[in-house]
Amino acid sequence: MTRCQITIINKLGLHARAAAKLASTANRFGCSLKTGHSPEQMVDAKSVMSLMLLAASQGTTLHFQFEGEDEREAETAIRELIDDRFGEEE
């Protein structure tokens, strides 16, 4: 199992389009992928609705948990997506 924390840095936070991109990226991998505001309260990161319910604005640090064969690749892809601000300008 791999765990990490990643801060949402894009201006609009984890809004609908960003949540859809995160879920889409997560669904490319076979591992279990969960995220949340704390390790005790995690949601399925492959679900757009669950991600939207986090209401993660800019500056929010989310905890991520990856479990499965391709967990390292999934972590890298999620980090790159968030570091790239979900492909948004700001």
N, C-alpha and C. Protein backbone atom coordinates (compact mmCIF):
# COMPACT_ATOMS: atom_id res chain seq x y z
N MET A 1 0.85 -1.17 0.00
CA MET A 1 0.00 0.00 0.00
C MET A 1 0.89 1.24 0.00
N THR A 2 0.52 2.20 -0.80
CA THR A 2 1.23 3.47 -0.89
C THR A 2 0.30 4.58 -0.41
N ARG A 3 0.82 5.46 0.41
CA ARG A 3 0.04 6.61 0.89
C ARG A 3 0.84 7.88 0.63
N CYS A 4 0.12 8.96 0.35
CA CYS A 4 0.78 10.25 0.17
C CYS A 4 -0.24 11.36 0.41
N GLN A 5 0.27 12.56 0.47
CA GLN A 5 -0.58 13.75 0.57
C GLN A 5 -0.24 14.65 -0.61
N ILE A 6 -1.28 15.20 -1.23
CA ILE A 6 -1.08 16.10 -2.37
C ILE A 6 -1.99 17.30 -2.17
N THR A 7 -1.43 18.49 -2.38
CA THR A 7 -2.20 19.73 -2.23
C THR A 7 -2.78 20.14 -3.58
N ILE A 8 -4.06 20.48 -3.56
CA ILE A 8 -4.75 20.97 -4.76
C ILE A 8 -4.27 22.40 -5.00
N ILE A 9 -3.66 22.64 -6.17
CA ILE A 9 -3.05 23.95 -6.41
C ILE A 9 -3.76 24.78 -7.48
N ASN A 10 -4.67 24.17 -8.24
CA ASN A 10 -5.33 24.96 -9.28
C ASN A 10 -6.35 25.92 -8.67
N LYS A 11 -6.60 27.02 -9.34
CA LYS A 11 -7.42 28.10 -8.83
C LYS A 11 -8.84 27.68 -8.47
N LEU A 12 -9.44 26.82 -9.27
CA LEU A 12 -10.84 26.43 -9.05
C LEU A 12 -11.00 25.21 -8.15
N GLY A 13 -9.90 24.63 -7.71
CA GLY A 13 -10.00 23.46 -6.83
C GLY A 13 -10.51 22.24 -7.57
N LEU A 14 -11.08 21.32 -6.83
CA LEU A 14 -11.56 20.06 -7.40
C LEU A 14 -13.01 20.23 -7.85
N HIS A 15 -13.21 21.05 -8.88
CA HIS A 15 -14.54 21.29 -9.44
C HIS A 15 -14.92 20.15 -10.37
N ALA A 16 -16.06 20.25 -11.05
CA ALA A 16 -16.60 19.13 -11.83
C ALA A 16 -15.62 18.59 -12.88
N ARG A 17 -15.03 19.46 -13.69
CA ARG A 17 -14.13 18.99 -14.74
C ARG A 17 -12.87 18.37 -14.16
N ALA A 18 -12.32 18.99 -13.12
CA ALA A 18 -11.12 18.45 -12.47
C ALA A 18 -11.43 17.11 -11.81
N ALA A 19 -12.58 16.99 -11.17
CA ALA A 19 -12.97 15.73 -10.54
C ALA A 19 -13.14 14.63 -11.60
N ALA A 20 -13.69 14.99 -12.75
CA ALA A 20 -13.86 14.02 -13.83
C ALA A 20 -12.50 13.56 -14.36
N LYS A 21 -11.55 14.50 -14.49
CA LYS A 21 -10.21 14.13 -14.95
C LYS A 21 -9.50 13.24 -13.93
N LEU A 22 -9.67 13.55 -12.66
CA LEU A 22 -9.05 12.73 -11.61
C LEU A 22 -9.63 11.32 -11.61
N ALA A 23 -10.95 11.22 -11.69
CA ALA A 23 -11.60 9.90 -11.72
C ALA A 23 -11.21 9.13 -12.97
N SER A 24 -11.14 9.80 -14.09
CA SER A 24 -10.75 9.16 -15.35
C SER A 24 -9.32 8.62 -15.26
N THR A 25 -8.43 9.41 -14.70
CA THR A 25 -7.05 8.97 -14.53
C THR A 25 -6.99 7.78 -13.57
N ALA A 26 -7.71 7.86 -12.47
CA ALA A 26 -7.73 6.78 -11.48
C ALA A 26 -8.26 5.48 -12.09
N ASN A 27 -9.24 5.60 -12.96
CA ASN A 27 -9.86 4.41 -13.56
C ASN A 27 -8.97 3.72 -14.59
N ARG A 28 -7.86 4.35 -14.97
CA ARG A 28 -6.92 3.70 -15.89
C ARG A 28 -6.12 2.59 -15.20
N PHE A 29 -6.19 2.56 -13.88
CA PHE A 29 -5.37 1.62 -13.10
C PHE A 29 -6.25 0.60 -12.37
N GLY A 30 -5.69 -0.57 -12.17
CA GLY A 30 -6.43 -1.64 -11.52
C GLY A 30 -6.41 -1.56 -10.01
N CYS A 31 -5.49 -0.78 -9.46
CA CYS A 31 -5.37 -0.70 -8.00
C CYS A 31 -6.55 0.05 -7.40
N SER A 32 -6.75 -0.17 -6.12
CA SER A 32 -7.73 0.59 -5.35
C SER A 32 -7.14 1.96 -5.09
N LEU A 33 -7.96 3.00 -5.25
CA LEU A 33 -7.47 4.36 -5.08
C LEU A 33 -8.49 5.15 -4.28
N LYS A 34 -8.08 5.60 -3.10
CA LYS A 34 -8.98 6.36 -2.23
C LYS A 34 -8.34 7.69 -1.87
N THR A 35 -9.19 8.68 -1.57
CA THR A 35 -8.69 9.99 -1.16
C THR A 35 -9.67 10.62 -0.18
N GLY A 36 -9.17 11.59 0.56
CA GLY A 36 -10.02 12.29 1.51
C GLY A 36 -9.25 13.33 2.28
N HIS A 37 -9.97 14.05 3.13
CA HIS A 37 -9.36 15.09 3.95
C HIS A 37 -8.51 14.50 5.07
N SER A 38 -8.81 13.26 5.45
CA SER A 38 -8.03 12.58 6.49
C SER A 38 -7.99 11.09 6.17
N PRO A 39 -7.00 10.38 6.69
CA PRO A 39 -6.91 8.94 6.42
C PRO A 39 -8.11 8.15 6.96
N GLU A 40 -8.83 8.73 7.91
CA GLU A 40 -9.98 8.05 8.51
C GLU A 40 -11.25 8.21 7.68
N GLN A 41 -11.29 9.20 6.82
CA GLN A 41 -12.49 9.46 6.02
C GLN A 41 -12.11 9.55 4.55
N MET A 42 -12.04 8.40 3.91
CA MET A 42 -11.63 8.33 2.51
C MET A 42 -12.83 7.97 1.62
N VAL A 43 -12.77 8.45 0.37
CA VAL A 43 -13.79 8.11 -0.63
C VAL A 43 -13.10 7.45 -1.82
N ASP A 44 -13.88 6.81 -2.64
CA ASP A 44 -13.38 6.16 -3.85
C ASP A 44 -12.98 7.23 -4.87
N ALA A 45 -11.70 7.31 -5.20
CA ALA A 45 -11.21 8.32 -6.13
C ALA A 45 -11.56 7.99 -7.58
N LYS A 46 -12.21 6.87 -7.81
CA LYS A 46 -12.65 6.52 -9.16
C LYS A 46 -14.09 6.97 -9.41
N SER A 47 -14.69 7.63 -8.42
CA SER A 47 -16.07 8.11 -8.51
C SER A 47 -16.10 9.63 -8.56
N VAL A 48 -16.60 10.19 -9.66
CA VAL A 48 -16.68 11.65 -9.81
C VAL A 48 -17.53 12.25 -8.70
N MET A 49 -18.67 11.65 -8.41
CA MET A 49 -19.56 12.19 -7.38
C MET A 49 -18.89 12.21 -6.00
N SER A 50 -18.19 11.14 -5.66
CA SER A 50 -17.49 11.10 -4.38
C SER A 50 -16.42 12.19 -4.30
N LEU A 51 -15.72 12.40 -5.39
CA LEU A 51 -14.68 13.44 -5.42
C LEU A 51 -15.30 14.83 -5.28
N MET A 52 -16.42 15.06 -5.92
CA MET A 52 -17.07 16.37 -5.84
C MET A 52 -17.55 16.67 -4.42
N LEU A 53 -17.98 15.62 -3.72
CA LEU A 53 -18.46 15.81 -2.35
C LEU A 53 -17.35 16.22 -1.38
N LEU A 54 -16.09 16.05 -1.78
CA LEU A 54 -14.99 16.49 -0.94
C LEU A 54 -14.90 18.01 -0.85
N ALA A 55 -15.44 18.70 -1.85
CA ALA A 55 -15.41 20.16 -1.91
C ALA A 55 -14.00 20.69 -1.62
N ALA A 56 -13.02 20.13 -2.31
CA ALA A 56 -11.62 20.50 -2.10
C ALA A 56 -11.27 21.74 -2.92
N SER A 57 -11.11 22.85 -2.22
CA SER A 57 -10.75 24.10 -2.89
C SER A 57 -9.24 24.22 -3.00
N GLN A 58 -8.80 25.27 -3.67
CA GLN A 58 -7.36 25.52 -3.82
C GLN A 58 -6.72 25.58 -2.44
N GLY A 59 -5.60 24.89 -2.28
CA GLY A 59 -4.89 24.87 -1.01
C GLY A 59 -5.24 23.69 -0.11
N THR A 60 -6.26 22.93 -0.48
CA THR A 60 -6.66 21.76 0.31
C THR A 60 -5.65 20.64 0.11
N THR A 61 -5.20 20.05 1.19
CA THR A 61 -4.32 18.89 1.11
C THR A 61 -5.16 17.63 1.27
N LEU A 62 -5.08 16.78 0.27
CA LEU A 62 -5.83 15.51 0.30
C LEU A 62 -4.88 14.36 0.58
N HIS A 63 -5.36 13.40 1.33
CA HIS A 63 -4.63 12.16 1.61
C HIS A 63 -5.03 11.16 0.53
N PHE A 64 -4.06 10.46 -0.03
CA PHE A 64 -4.32 9.45 -1.05
C PHE A 64 -3.80 8.10 -0.57
N GLN A 65 -4.54 7.06 -0.92
CA GLN A 65 -4.14 5.69 -0.60
C GLN A 65 -4.28 4.84 -1.85
N PHE A 66 -3.20 4.19 -2.26
CA PHE A 66 -3.17 3.34 -3.44
C PHE A 66 -2.86 1.92 -2.98
N GLU A 67 -3.63 0.94 -3.48
CA GLU A 67 -3.35 -0.44 -3.09
C GLU A 67 -3.60 -1.37 -4.26
N GLY A 68 -2.53 -2.03 -4.71
CA GLY A 68 -2.62 -2.96 -5.83
C GLY A 68 -1.32 -3.00 -6.61
N GLU A 69 -1.31 -3.84 -7.63
CA GLU A 69 -0.09 -4.06 -8.41
C GLU A 69 0.48 -2.80 -9.05
N ASP A 70 -0.37 -1.93 -9.56
CA ASP A 70 0.11 -0.74 -10.27
C ASP A 70 -0.01 0.54 -9.43
N GLU A 71 0.08 0.40 -8.11
CA GLU A 71 -0.10 1.55 -7.23
C GLU A 71 0.94 2.64 -7.45
N ARG A 72 2.18 2.29 -7.73
CA ARG A 72 3.23 3.29 -7.95
C ARG A 72 2.96 4.11 -9.22
N GLU A 73 2.54 3.43 -10.27
CA GLU A 73 2.22 4.11 -11.53
C GLU A 73 1.01 5.03 -11.34
N ALA A 74 0.02 4.56 -10.58
CA ALA A 74 -1.17 5.36 -10.31
C ALA A 74 -0.81 6.61 -9.52
N GLU A 75 0.03 6.46 -8.52
CA GLU A 75 0.45 7.62 -7.72
C GLU A 75 1.16 8.65 -8.61
N THR A 76 2.04 8.19 -9.45
CA THR A 76 2.76 9.10 -10.35
C THR A 76 1.79 9.85 -11.26
N ALA A 77 0.84 9.13 -11.85
CA ALA A 77 -0.12 9.75 -12.76
C ALA A 77 -1.01 10.77 -12.04
N ILE A 78 -1.44 10.47 -10.83
CA ILE A 78 -2.29 11.40 -10.07
C ILE A 78 -1.48 12.63 -9.68
N ARG A 79 -0.25 12.43 -9.23
CA ARG A 79 0.61 13.58 -8.88
C ARG A 79 0.83 14.49 -10.09
N GLU A 80 1.12 13.90 -11.24
CA GLU A 80 1.35 14.69 -12.44
C GLU A 80 0.10 15.48 -12.84
N LEU A 81 -1.06 14.84 -12.74
CA LEU A 81 -2.32 15.52 -13.08
C LEU A 81 -2.55 16.73 -12.18
N ILE A 82 -2.39 16.54 -10.88
CA ILE A 82 -2.63 17.63 -9.94
C ILE A 82 -1.56 18.71 -10.06
N ASP A 83 -0.30 18.30 -10.22
CA ASP A 83 0.79 19.27 -10.40
C ASP A 83 0.63 20.08 -11.68
N ASP A 84 -0.04 19.50 -12.68
CA ASP A 84 -0.32 20.19 -13.95
C ASP A 84 -1.61 21.01 -13.87
N ARG A 85 -2.16 21.14 -12.66
CA ARG A 85 -3.40 21.91 -12.42
C ARG A 85 -4.56 21.38 -13.27
N PHE A 86 -4.60 20.07 -13.48
CA PHE A 86 -5.66 19.42 -14.25
C PHE A 86 -5.73 19.95 -15.68
N GLY A 87 -4.61 20.48 -16.17
CA GLY A 87 -4.57 21.01 -17.53
C GLY A 87 -5.15 22.41 -17.66
N GLU A 88 -5.43 23.05 -16.54
CA GLU A 88 -5.98 24.41 -16.55
C GLU A 88 -4.84 25.42 -16.55
N GLU A 89 -5.15 26.64 -16.96
CA GLU A 89 -4.11 27.67 -17.03
C GLU A 89 -3.59 28.08 -15.66
N GLU A 90 -4.48 28.18 -14.69
CA GLU A 90 -4.05 28.60 -13.36
C GLU A 90 -4.33 27.54 -12.33
